[in-house]
Amino acid sequence: SVKGRFTISINIAKNTMYLQMNSLQPEDTAVYYCNAEHYGS
């Protein structure tokens, strides 16, 4: 549902993960959560 519109990336120097969301639509409305799998979720 997000292919071609959203881009996930990581900046190691800033220790940050991003989600660039373009061409947003009403169906994208939600609470967005970050997840990390590191000795557990």
PDB file of all heavy atoms in Angstrom:
ATOM      1  N   SER A   1       0.799  -1.218   0.000  1.00  0.00           N
ATOM      2  CA  SER A   1       0.000   0.000   0.000  1.00  0.00           C
ATOM      3  C   SER A   1       0.839   1.279   0.000  1.00  0.00           C
ATOM      4  O   SER A   1       0.313   2.354  -0.300  1.00  0.00           O
ATOM      5  CB  SER A   1      -0.942   0.015   1.205  1.00  0.00           C
ATOM      6  OG  SER A   1      -0.212  -0.093   2.412  1.00  0.00           O
ATOM      7  N   VAL A   2       2.135   1.171   0.335  1.00  0.00           N
ATOM      8  CA  VAL A   2       2.959   2.381   0.407  1.00  0.00           C
ATOM      9  C   VAL A   2       4.115   2.362  -0.586  1.00  0.00           C
ATOM     10  O   VAL A   2       4.852   3.349  -0.692  1.00  0.00           O
ATOM     11  CB  VAL A   2       3.505   2.598   1.829  1.00  0.00           C
ATOM     12  CG1 VAL A   2       2.371   2.583   2.852  1.00  0.00           C
ATOM     13  CG2 VAL A   2       4.572   1.579   2.193  1.00  0.00           C
ATOM     14  N   LYS A   3       4.290   1.264  -1.323  1.00  0.00           N
ATOM     15  CA  LYS A   3       5.392   1.172  -2.288  1.00  0.00           C
ATOM     16  C   LYS A   3       5.312   2.311  -3.294  1.00  0.00           C
ATOM     17  O   LYS A   3       4.250   2.611  -3.828  1.00  0.00           O
ATOM     18  CB  LYS A   3       5.343  -0.168  -3.008  1.00  0.00           C
ATOM     19  CG  LYS A   3       5.898  -1.330  -2.208  1.00  0.00           C
ATOM     20  CD  LYS A   3       5.843  -2.629  -3.006  1.00  0.00           C
ATOM     21  CE  LYS A   3       6.373  -3.784  -2.181  1.00  0.00           C
ATOM     22  NZ  LYS A   3       6.250  -5.078  -2.912  1.00  0.00           N
ATOM     23  N   GLY A   4       6.465   2.933  -3.533  1.00  0.00           N
ATOM     24  CA  GLY A   4       6.528   4.028  -4.485  1.00  0.00           C
ATOM     25  C   GLY A   4       6.181   5.381  -3.884  1.00  0.00           C
ATOM     26  O   GLY A   4       6.375   6.414  -4.530  1.00  0.00           O
ATOM     27  N   ARG A   5       5.652   5.386  -2.653  1.00  0.00           N
ATOM     28  CA  ARG A   5       5.286   6.644  -2.000  1.00  0.00           C
ATOM     29  C   ARG A   5       6.099   6.907  -0.735  1.00  0.00           C
ATOM     30  O   ARG A   5       6.396   8.061  -0.423  1.00  0.00           O
ATOM     31  CB  ARG A   5       3.796   6.637  -1.628  1.00  0.00           C
ATOM     32  CG  ARG A   5       2.856   6.472  -2.810  1.00  0.00           C
ATOM     33  CD  ARG A   5       1.398   6.672  -2.403  1.00  0.00           C
ATOM     34  NE  ARG A   5       0.961   5.687  -1.406  1.00  0.00           N
ATOM     35  CZ  ARG A   5       0.453   5.997  -0.212  1.00  0.00           C
ATOM     36  NH1 ARG A   5       0.320   7.270   0.142  1.00  0.00           N
ATOM     37  NH2 ARG A   5       0.064   5.046   0.632  1.00  0.00           N
ATOM     38  N   PHE A   6       6.418   5.852  -0.017  1.00  0.00           N
ATOM     39  CA  PHE A   6       7.153   5.992   1.246  1.00  0.00           C
ATOM     40  C   PHE A   6       8.579   5.475   1.069  1.00  0.00           C
ATOM     41  O   PHE A   6       8.824   4.526   0.307  1.00  0.00           O
ATOM     42  CB  PHE A   6       6.484   5.182   2.347  1.00  0.00           C
ATOM     43  CG  PHE A   6       5.149   5.693   2.818  1.00  0.00           C
ATOM     44  CD1 PHE A   6       4.473   6.695   2.142  1.00  0.00           C
ATOM     45  CD2 PHE A   6       4.570   5.163   3.960  1.00  0.00           C
ATOM     46  CE1 PHE A   6       3.240   7.163   2.575  1.00  0.00           C
ATOM     47  CE2 PHE A   6       3.344   5.605   4.417  1.00  0.00           C
ATOM     48  CZ  PHE A   6       2.676   6.600   3.724  1.00  0.00           C
ATOM     49  N   THR A   7       9.505   6.091   1.809  1.00  0.00           N
ATOM     50  CA  THR A   7      10.898   5.660   1.782  1.00  0.00           C
ATOM     51  C   THR A   7      11.427   5.570   3.208  1.00  0.00           C
ATOM     52  O   THR A   7      11.374   6.561   3.943  1.00  0.00           O
ATOM     53  CB  THR A   7      11.764   6.618   0.969  1.00  0.00           C
ATOM     54  OG1 THR A   7      11.253   6.727  -0.366  1.00  0.00           O
ATOM     55  CG2 THR A   7      13.201   6.122   0.909  1.00  0.00           C
ATOM     56  N   ILE A   8      11.951   4.399   3.579  1.00  0.00           N
ATOM     57  CA  ILE A   8      12.567   4.219   4.885  1.00  0.00           C
ATOM     58  C   ILE A   8      14.076   4.354   4.721  1.00  0.00           C
ATOM     59  O   ILE A   8      14.646   3.920   3.713  1.00  0.00           O
ATOM     60  CB  ILE A   8      12.189   2.848   5.493  1.00  0.00           C
ATOM     61  CG1 ILE A   8      12.651   2.745   6.947  1.00  0.00           C
ATOM     62  CG2 ILE A   8      12.741   1.696   4.659  1.00  0.00           C
ATOM     63  CD1 ILE A   8      12.118   1.497   7.660  1.00  0.00           C
ATOM     64  N   SER A   9      14.714   4.985   5.701  1.00  0.00           N
ATOM     65  CA  SER A   9      16.162   5.154   5.627  1.00  0.00           C
ATOM     66  C   SER A   9      16.742   5.302   7.023  1.00  0.00           C
ATOM     67  O   SER A   9      16.014   5.540   7.992  1.00  0.00           O
ATOM     68  CB  SER A   9      16.524   6.375   4.776  1.00  0.00           C
ATOM     69  OG  SER A   9      16.037   7.566   5.365  1.00  0.00           O
ATOM     70  N   ILE A  10      18.053   5.153   7.087  1.00  0.00           N
ATOM     71  CA  ILE A  10      18.786   5.303   8.339  1.00  0.00           C
ATOM     72  C   ILE A  10      19.970   6.216   8.117  1.00  0.00           C
ATOM     73  O   ILE A  10      20.679   6.085   7.112  1.00  0.00           O
ATOM     74  CB  ILE A  10      19.249   3.930   8.871  1.00  0.00           C
ATOM     75  CG1 ILE A  10      18.061   3.157   9.452  1.00  0.00           C
ATOM     76  CG2 ILE A  10      20.332   4.081   9.928  1.00  0.00           C
ATOM     77  CD1 ILE A  10      18.417   1.772   9.921  1.00  0.00           C
ATOM     78  N   ASN A  11      20.176   7.135   9.052  1.00  0.00           N
ATOM     79  CA  ASN A  11      21.360   7.980   9.068  1.00  0.00           C
ATOM     80  C   ASN A  11      22.191   7.557  10.281  1.00  0.00           C
ATOM     81  O   ASN A  11      21.832   7.869  11.425  1.00  0.00           O
ATOM     82  CB  ASN A  11      20.970   9.457   9.146  1.00  0.00           C
ATOM     83  CG  ASN A  11      22.167  10.372   9.023  1.00  0.00           C
ATOM     84  OD1 ASN A  11      23.220  10.127   9.604  1.00  0.00           O
ATOM     85  ND2 ASN A  11      22.014  11.437   8.265  1.00  0.00           N
ATOM     86  N   ILE A  12      23.275   6.833  10.028  1.00  0.00           N
ATOM     87  CA  ILE A  12      24.109   6.321  11.123  1.00  0.00           C
ATOM     88  C   ILE A  12      24.693   7.467  11.941  1.00  0.00           C
ATOM     89  O   ILE A  12      24.715   7.426  13.171  1.00  0.00           O
ATOM     90  CB  ILE A  12      25.234   5.431  10.577  1.00  0.00           C
ATOM     91  CG1 ILE A  12      24.654   4.198   9.883  1.00  0.00           C
ATOM     92  CG2 ILE A  12      26.181   5.018  11.699  1.00  0.00           C
ATOM     93  CD1 ILE A  12      23.955   3.242  10.796  1.00  0.00           C
ATOM     94  N   ALA A  13      25.167   8.509  11.268  1.00  0.00           N
ATOM     95  CA  ALA A  13      25.813   9.628  11.955  1.00  0.00           C
ATOM     96  C   ALA A  13      24.856  10.327  12.924  1.00  0.00           C
ATOM     97  O   ALA A  13      25.264  10.799  13.985  1.00  0.00           O
ATOM     98  CB  ALA A  13      26.350  10.620  10.942  1.00  0.00           C
ATOM     99  N   LYS A  14      23.577  10.387  12.561  1.00  0.00           N
ATOM    100  CA  LYS A  14      22.570  11.041  13.414  1.00  0.00           C
ATOM    101  C   LYS A  14      21.835  10.034  14.290  1.00  0.00           C
ATOM    102  O   LYS A  14      20.953  10.409  15.066  1.00  0.00           O
ATOM    103  CB  LYS A  14      21.573  11.805  12.558  1.00  0.00           C
ATOM    104  CG  LYS A  14      22.189  12.985  11.816  1.00  0.00           C
ATOM    105  CD  LYS A  14      21.125  13.812  11.112  1.00  0.00           C
ATOM    106  CE  LYS A  14      21.758  15.037  10.447  1.00  0.00           C
ATOM    107  NZ  LYS A  14      20.744  15.882   9.775  1.00  0.00           N
ATOM    108  N   ASN A  15      22.189   8.741  14.146  1.00  0.00           N
ATOM    109  CA  ASN A  15      21.538   7.680  14.916  1.00  0.00           C
ATOM    110  C   ASN A  15      20.017   7.770  14.812  1.00  0.00           C
ATOM    111  O   ASN A  15      19.294   7.700  15.825  1.00  0.00           O
ATOM    112  CB  ASN A  15      21.962   7.740  16.393  1.00  0.00           C
ATOM    113  CG  ASN A  15      21.846   6.384  17.074  1.00  0.00           C
ATOM    114  OD1 ASN A  15      22.360   5.389  16.567  1.00  0.00           O
ATOM    115  ND2 ASN A  15      21.219   6.344  18.235  1.00  0.00           N
ATOM    116  N   THR A  16      19.530   7.940  13.614  1.00  0.00           N
ATOM    117  CA  THR A  16      18.121   8.188  13.389  1.00  0.00           C
ATOM    118  C   THR A  16      17.603   7.378  12.211  1.00  0.00           C
ATOM    119  O   THR A  16      18.287   7.239  11.197  1.00  0.00           O
ATOM    120  CB  THR A  16      17.867   9.689  13.113  1.00  0.00           C
ATOM    121  OG1 THR A  16      18.351  10.459  14.220  1.00  0.00           O
ATOM    122  CG2 THR A  16      16.392   9.979  12.913  1.00  0.00           C
ATOM    123  N   MET A  17      16.382   6.865  12.373  1.00  0.00           N
ATOM    124  CA  MET A  17      15.672   6.219  11.269  1.00  0.00           C
ATOM    125  C   MET A  17      14.568   7.167  10.808  1.00  0.00           C
ATOM    126  O   MET A  17      13.950   7.852  11.642  1.00  0.00           O
ATOM    127  CB  MET A  17      15.052   4.900  11.719  1.00  0.00           C
ATOM    128  CG  MET A  17      14.243   4.209  10.624  1.00  0.00           C
ATOM    129  SD  MET A  17      13.538   2.640  11.135  1.00  0.00           S
ATOM    130  CE  MET A  17      12.324   3.162  12.336  1.00  0.00           C
ATOM    131  N   TYR A  18      14.344   7.207   9.512  1.00  0.00           N
ATOM    132  CA  TYR A  18      13.341   8.100   8.943  1.00  0.00           C
ATOM    133  C   TYR A  18      12.301   7.310   8.139  1.00  0.00           C
ATOM    134  O   TYR A  18      12.565   6.207   7.656  1.00  0.00           O
ATOM    135  CB  TYR A  18      13.993   9.118   8.000  1.00  0.00           C
ATOM    136  CG  TYR A  18      15.027   9.989   8.648  1.00  0.00           C
ATOM    137  CD1 TYR A  18      16.384   9.710   8.511  1.00  0.00           C
ATOM    138  CD2 TYR A  18      14.654  11.099   9.398  1.00  0.00           C
ATOM    139  CE1 TYR A  18      17.346  10.509   9.102  1.00  0.00           C
ATOM    140  CE2 TYR A  18      15.612  11.909   9.990  1.00  0.00           C
ATOM    141  CZ  TYR A  18      16.948  11.612   9.838  1.00  0.00           C
ATOM    142  OH  TYR A  18      17.891  12.406  10.433  1.00  0.00           O
ATOM    143  N   LEU A  19      11.142   7.935   8.000  1.00  0.00           N
ATOM    144  CA  LEU A  19      10.148   7.460   7.049  1.00  0.00           C
ATOM    145  C   LEU A  19       9.656   8.691   6.283  1.00  0.00           C
ATOM    146  O   LEU A  19       8.941   9.527   6.839  1.00  0.00           O
ATOM    147  CB  LEU A  19       8.969   6.760   7.731  1.00  0.00           C
ATOM    148  CG  LEU A  19       7.942   6.164   6.763  1.00  0.00           C
ATOM    149  CD1 LEU A  19       8.542   4.975   6.012  1.00  0.00           C
ATOM    150  CD2 LEU A  19       6.682   5.729   7.507  1.00  0.00           C
ATOM    151  N   GLN A  20      10.099   8.810   5.041  1.00  0.00           N
ATOM    152  CA  GLN A  20       9.642   9.896   4.173  1.00  0.00           C
ATOM    153  C   GLN A  20       8.349   9.442   3.515  1.00  0.00           C
ATOM    154  O   GLN A  20       8.332   8.406   2.835  1.00  0.00           O
ATOM    155  CB  GLN A  20      10.693  10.220   3.119  1.00  0.00           C
ATOM    156  CG  GLN A  20      10.264  11.306   2.136  1.00  0.00           C
ATOM    157  CD  GLN A  20      10.104  12.655   2.796  1.00  0.00           C
ATOM    158  OE1 GLN A  20      10.930  13.065   3.605  1.00  0.00           O
ATOM    159  NE2 GLN A  20       9.033  13.356   2.449  1.00  0.00           N
ATOM    160  N   MET A  21       7.290  10.195   3.734  1.00  0.00           N
ATOM    161  CA  MET A  21       5.979   9.831   3.210  1.00  0.00           C
ATOM    162  C   MET A  21       5.517  10.898   2.224  1.00  0.00           C
ATOM    163  O   MET A  21       5.328  12.055   2.606  1.00  0.00           O
ATOM    164  CB  MET A  21       4.973   9.698   4.358  1.00  0.00           C
ATOM    165  CG  MET A  21       5.412   8.733   5.451  1.00  0.00           C
ATOM    166  SD  MET A  21       4.182   8.464   6.734  1.00  0.00           S
ATOM    167  CE  MET A  21       4.153  10.087   7.485  1.00  0.00           C
ATOM    168  N   ASN A  22       5.370  10.499   0.974  1.00  0.00           N
ATOM    169  CA  ASN A  22       4.919  11.398  -0.082  1.00  0.00           C
ATOM    170  C   ASN A  22       3.560  10.938  -0.613  1.00  0.00           C
ATOM    171  O   ASN A  22       3.141   9.802  -0.390  1.00  0.00           O
ATOM    172  CB  ASN A  22       5.937  11.430  -1.218  1.00  0.00           C
ATOM    173  CG  ASN A  22       7.288  11.945  -0.786  1.00  0.00           C
ATOM    174  OD1 ASN A  22       7.398  12.788   0.108  1.00  0.00           O
ATOM    175  ND2 ASN A  22       8.336  11.435  -1.409  1.00  0.00           N
ATOM    176  N   SER A  23       2.895  11.831  -1.307  1.00  0.00           N
ATOM    177  CA  SER A  23       1.586  11.526  -1.911  1.00  0.00           C
ATOM    178  C   SER A  23       0.645  10.901  -0.889  1.00  0.00           C
ATOM    179  O   SER A  23      -0.018   9.893  -1.145  1.00  0.00           O
ATOM    180  CB  SER A  23       1.758  10.575  -3.102  1.00  0.00           C
ATOM    181  OG  SER A  23       2.599  11.138  -4.084  1.00  0.00           O
ATOM    182  N   LEU A  24       0.593  11.515   0.284  1.00  0.00           N
ATOM    183  CA  LEU A  24      -0.231  10.971   1.358  1.00  0.00           C
ATOM    184  C   LEU A  24      -1.711  11.020   1.000  1.00  0.00           C
ATOM    185  O   LEU A  24      -2.185  11.964   0.346  1.00  0.00           O
ATOM    186  CB  LEU A  24       0.033  11.734   2.649  1.00  0.00           C
ATOM    187  CG  LEU A  24       1.344  11.354   3.354  1.00  0.00           C
ATOM    188  CD1 LEU A  24       1.772  12.433   4.334  1.00  0.00           C
ATOM    189  CD2 LEU A  24       1.198  10.016   4.064  1.00  0.00           C
ATOM    190  N   GLN A  25      -2.419  10.001   1.445  1.00  0.00           N
ATOM    191  CA  GLN A  25      -3.846   9.871   1.182  1.00  0.00           C
ATOM    192  C   GLN A  25      -4.593   9.693   2.507  1.00  0.00           C
ATOM    193  O   GLN A  25      -3.988   9.295   3.502  1.00  0.00           O
ATOM    194  CB  GLN A  25      -4.102   8.678   0.259  1.00  0.00           C
ATOM    195  CG  GLN A  25      -3.416   8.777  -1.080  1.00  0.00           C
ATOM    196  CD  GLN A  25      -3.861  10.005  -1.858  1.00  0.00           C
ATOM    197  OE1 GLN A  25      -5.045  10.376  -1.880  1.00  0.00           O
ATOM    198  NE2 GLN A  25      -2.891  10.686  -2.474  1.00  0.00           N
ATOM    199  N   PRO A  26      -5.890   9.954   2.529  1.00  0.00           N
ATOM    200  CA  PRO A  26      -6.653   9.809   3.775  1.00  0.00           C
ATOM    201  C   PRO A  26      -6.503   8.424   4.405  1.00  0.00           C
ATOM    202  O   PRO A  26      -6.505   8.311   5.642  1.00  0.00           O
ATOM    203  CB  PRO A  26      -8.091  10.082   3.334  1.00  0.00           C
ATOM    204  CG  PRO A  26      -7.947  11.033   2.188  1.00  0.00           C
ATOM    205  CD  PRO A  26      -6.711  10.570   1.464  1.00  0.00           C
ATOM    206  N   GLU A  27      -6.340   7.408   3.590  1.00  0.00           N
ATOM    207  CA  GLU A  27      -6.198   6.048   4.133  1.00  0.00           C
ATOM    208  C   GLU A  27      -4.858   5.826   4.832  1.00  0.00           C
ATOM    209  O   GLU A  27      -4.656   4.794   5.466  1.00  0.00           O
ATOM    210  CB  GLU A  27      -6.397   4.991   3.043  1.00  0.00           C
ATOM    211  CG  GLU A  27      -5.547   5.183   1.814  1.00  0.00           C
ATOM    212  CD  GLU A  27      -6.273   5.950   0.718  1.00  0.00           C
ATOM    213  OE1 GLU A  27      -7.095   6.836   1.049  1.00  0.00           O
ATOM    214  OE2 GLU A  27      -5.998   5.650  -0.462  1.00  0.00           O
ATOM    215  N   ASP A  28      -3.945   6.775   4.731  1.00  0.00           N
ATOM    216  CA  ASP A  28      -2.679   6.702   5.467  1.00  0.00           C
ATOM    217  C   ASP A  28      -2.829   7.224   6.898  1.00  0.00           C
ATOM    218  O   ASP A  28      -1.887   7.131   7.689  1.00  0.00           O
ATOM    219  CB  ASP A  28      -1.592   7.507   4.753  1.00  0.00           C
ATOM    220  CG  ASP A  28      -1.254   6.939   3.386  1.00  0.00           C
ATOM    221  OD1 ASP A  28      -1.107   5.703   3.281  1.00  0.00           O
ATOM    222  OD2 ASP A  28      -1.133   7.733   2.434  1.00  0.00           O
ATOM    223  N   THR A  29      -3.971   7.781   7.222  1.00  0.00           N
ATOM    224  CA  THR A  29      -4.217   8.295   8.570  1.00  0.00           C
ATOM    225  C   THR A  29      -4.132   7.172   9.594  1.00  0.00           C
ATOM    226  O   THR A  29      -4.798   6.143   9.464  1.00  0.00           O
ATOM    227  CB  THR A  29      -5.603   8.953   8.640  1.00  0.00           C
ATOM    228  OG1 THR A  29      -5.623  10.107   7.791  1.00  0.00           O
ATOM    229  CG2 THR A  29      -5.928   9.377  10.068  1.00  0.00           C
ATOM    230  N   ALA A  30      -3.268   7.354  10.583  1.00  0.00           N
ATOM    231  CA  ALA A  30      -3.040   6.333  11.605  1.00  0.00           C
ATOM    232  C   ALA A  30      -2.054   6.869  12.632  1.00  0.00           C
ATOM    233  O   ALA A  30      -1.445   7.925  12.437  1.00  0.00           O
ATOM    234  CB  ALA A  30      -2.475   5.057  10.973  1.00  0.00           C
ATOM    235  N   VAL A  31      -1.891   6.114  13.707  1.00  0.00           N
ATOM    236  CA  VAL A  31      -0.774   6.348  14.612  1.00  0.00           C
ATOM    237  C   VAL A  31       0.392   5.494  14.103  1.00  0.00           C
ATOM    238  O   VAL A  31       0.221   4.286  13.891  1.00  0.00           O
ATOM    239  CB  VAL A  31      -1.118   5.978  16.061  1.00  0.00           C
ATOM    240  CG1 VAL A  31       0.093   6.187  16.972  1.00  0.00           C
ATOM    241  CG2 VAL A  31      -2.299   6.802  16.555  1.00  0.00           C
ATOM    242  N   TYR A  32       1.514   6.123  13.895  1.00  0.00           N
ATOM    243  CA  TYR A  32       2.693   5.442  13.367  1.00  0.00           C
ATOM    244  C   TYR A  32       3.662   5.154  14.517  1.00  0.00           C
ATOM    245  O   TYR A  32       3.972   6.043  15.318  1.00  0.00           O
ATOM    246  CB  TYR A  32       3.363   6.299  12.296  1.00  0.00           C
ATOM    247  CG  TYR A  32       2.622   6.277  10.985  1.00  0.00           C
ATOM    248  CD1 TYR A  32       1.376   6.893  10.859  1.00  0.00           C
ATOM    249  CD2 TYR A  32       3.144   5.616   9.879  1.00  0.00           C
ATOM    250  CE1 TYR A  32       0.676   6.857   9.664  1.00  0.00           C
ATOM    251  CE2 TYR A  32       2.457   5.577   8.675  1.00  0.00           C
ATOM    252  CZ  TYR A  32       1.228   6.197   8.571  1.00  0.00           C
ATOM    253  OH  TYR A  32       0.530   6.159   7.377  1.00  0.00           O
ATOM    254  N   TYR A  33       4.134   3.916  14.553  1.00  0.00           N
ATOM    255  CA  TYR A  33       5.032   3.467  15.614  1.00  0.00           C
ATOM    256  C   TYR A  33       6.373   3.027  15.045  1.00  0.00           C
ATOM    257  O   TYR A  33       6.430   2.334  14.018  1.00  0.00           O
ATOM    258  CB  TYR A  33       4.416   2.286  16.367  1.00  0.00           C
ATOM    259  CG  TYR A  33       3.152   2.606  17.112  1.00  0.00           C
ATOM    260  CD1 TYR A  33       1.907   2.456  16.508  1.00  0.00           C
ATOM    261  CD2 TYR A  33       3.194   3.062  18.430  1.00  0.00           C
ATOM    262  CE1 TYR A  33       0.736   2.751  17.194  1.00  0.00           C
ATOM    263  CE2 TYR A  33       2.028   3.351  19.125  1.00  0.00           C
ATOM    264  CZ  TYR A  33       0.806   3.197  18.487  1.00  0.00           C
ATOM    265  OH  TYR A  33      -0.352   3.494  19.183  1.00  0.00           O
ATOM    266  N   CYS A  34       7.416   3.400  15.752  1.00  0.00           N
ATOM    267  CA  CYS A  34       8.757   2.931  15.452  1.00  0.00           C
ATOM    268  C   CYS A  34       8.990   1.622  16.208  1.00  0.00           C
ATOM    269  O   CYS A  34       8.566   1.491  17.364  1.00  0.00           O
ATOM    270  CB  CYS A  34       9.751   3.999  15.895  1.00  0.00           C
ATOM    271  SG  CYS A  34      11.483   3.530  15.799  1.00  0.00           S
ATOM    272  N   ASN A  35       9.654   0.682  15.559  1.00  0.00           N
ATOM    273  CA  ASN A  35       9.953  -0.607  16.179  1.00  0.00           C
ATOM    274  C   ASN A  35      11.425  -0.940  15.993  1.00  0.00           C
ATOM    275  O   ASN A  35      12.008  -0.646  14.940  1.00  0.00           O
ATOM    276  CB  ASN A  35       9.104  -1.708  15.553  1.00  0.00           C
ATOM    277  CG  ASN A  35       9.529  -3.104  15.987  1.00  0.00           C
ATOM    278  OD1 ASN A  35      10.266  -3.790  15.284  1.00  0.00           O
ATOM    279  ND2 ASN A  35       9.068  -3.513  17.153  1.00  0.00           N
ATOM    280  N   ALA A  36      12.014  -1.558  17.023  1.00  0.00           N
ATOM    281  CA  ALA A  36      13.393  -2.030  16.943  1.00  0.00           C
ATOM    282  C   ALA A  36      13.456  -3.442  17.499  1.00  0.00           C
ATOM    283  O   ALA A  36      12.949  -3.710  18.590  1.00  0.00           O
ATOM    284  CB  ALA A  36      14.322  -1.107  17.725  1.00  0.00           C
ATOM    285  N   GLU A  37      14.062  -4.337  16.734  1.00  0.00           N
ATOM    286  CA  GLU A  37      14.279  -5.711  17.183  1.00  0.00           C
ATOM    287  C   GLU A  37      15.714  -5.823  17.674  1.00  0.00           C
ATOM    288  O   GLU A  37      16.650  -5.874  16.879  1.00  0.00           O
ATOM    289  CB  GLU A  37      14.012  -6.687  16.035  1.00  0.00           C
ATOM    290  CG  GLU A  37      12.582  -6.658  15.523  1.00  0.00           C
ATOM    291  CD  GLU A  37      11.577  -7.071  16.586  1.00  0.00           C
ATOM    292  OE1 GLU A  37      11.878  -7.970  17.402  1.00  0.00           O
ATOM    293  OE2 GLU A  37      10.480  -6.474  16.620  1.00  0.00           O
ATOM    294  N   HIS A  38      15.874  -5.823  19.011  1.00  0.00           N
ATOM    295  CA  HIS A  38      17.207  -5.798  19.624  1.00  0.00           C
ATOM    296  C   HIS A  38      17.091  -6.503  20.959  1.00  0.00           C
ATOM    297  O   HIS A  38      16.711  -5.893  21.942  1.00  0.00           O
ATOM    298  CB  HIS A  38      17.675  -4.349  19.782  1.00  0.00           C
ATOM    299  CG  HIS A  38      19.057  -4.202  20.332  1.00  0.00           C
ATOM    300  ND1 HIS A  38      20.189  -4.506  19.606  1.00  0.00           N
ATOM    301  CD2 HIS A  38      19.497  -3.769  21.540  1.00  0.00           C
ATOM    302  CE1 HIS A  38      21.254  -4.259  20.340  1.00  0.00           C
ATOM    303  NE2 HIS A  38      20.863  -3.814  21.519  1.00  0.00           N
ATOM    304  N   TYR A  39      17.412  -7.818  20.962  1.00  0.00           N
ATOM    305  CA  TYR A  39      17.218  -8.624  22.176  1.00  0.00           C
ATOM    306  C   TYR A  39      15.776  -8.471  22.668  1.00  0.00           C
ATOM    307  O   TYR A  39      15.530  -8.322  23.855  1.00  0.00           O
ATOM    308  CB  TYR A  39      18.221  -8.226  23.258  1.00  0.00           C
ATOM    309  CG  TYR A  39      19.657  -8.377  22.831  1.00  0.00           C
ATOM    310  CD1 TYR A  39      20.414  -7.267  22.457  1.00  0.00           C
ATOM    311  CD2 TYR A  39      20.255  -9.631  22.779  1.00  0.00           C
ATOM    312  CE1 TYR A  39      21.726  -7.414  22.052  1.00  0.00           C
ATOM    313  CE2 TYR A  39      21.571  -9.784  22.369  1.00  0.00           C
ATOM    314  CZ  TYR A  39      22.298  -8.662  22.013  1.00  0.00           C
ATOM    315  OH  TYR A  39      23.601  -8.803  21.599  1.00  0.00           O
ATOM    316  N   GLY A  40      14.865  -8.530  21.753  1.00  0.00           N
ATOM    317  CA  GLY A  40      13.451  -8.350  22.064  1.00  0.00           C
ATOM    318  C   GLY A  40      12.874  -7.266  21.181  1.00  0.00           C
ATOM    319  O   GLY A  40      13.591  -6.597  20.430  1.00  0.00           O
ATOM    320  N   SER A  41      11.562  -7.100  21.265  1.00  0.00           N
ATOM    321  CA  SER A  41      10.873  -6.127  20.421  1.00  0.00           C
ATOM    322  C   SER A  41      10.578  -4.874  21.239  1.00  0.00           C
ATOM    323  O   SER A  41      10.021  -4.948  22.338  1.00  0.00           O
ATOM    324  CB  SER A  41       9.578  -6.742  19.900  1.00  0.00           C
ATOM    325  OG  SER A  41       8.966  -5.908  18.947  1.00  0.00           O
TER     326      SER A  41
END
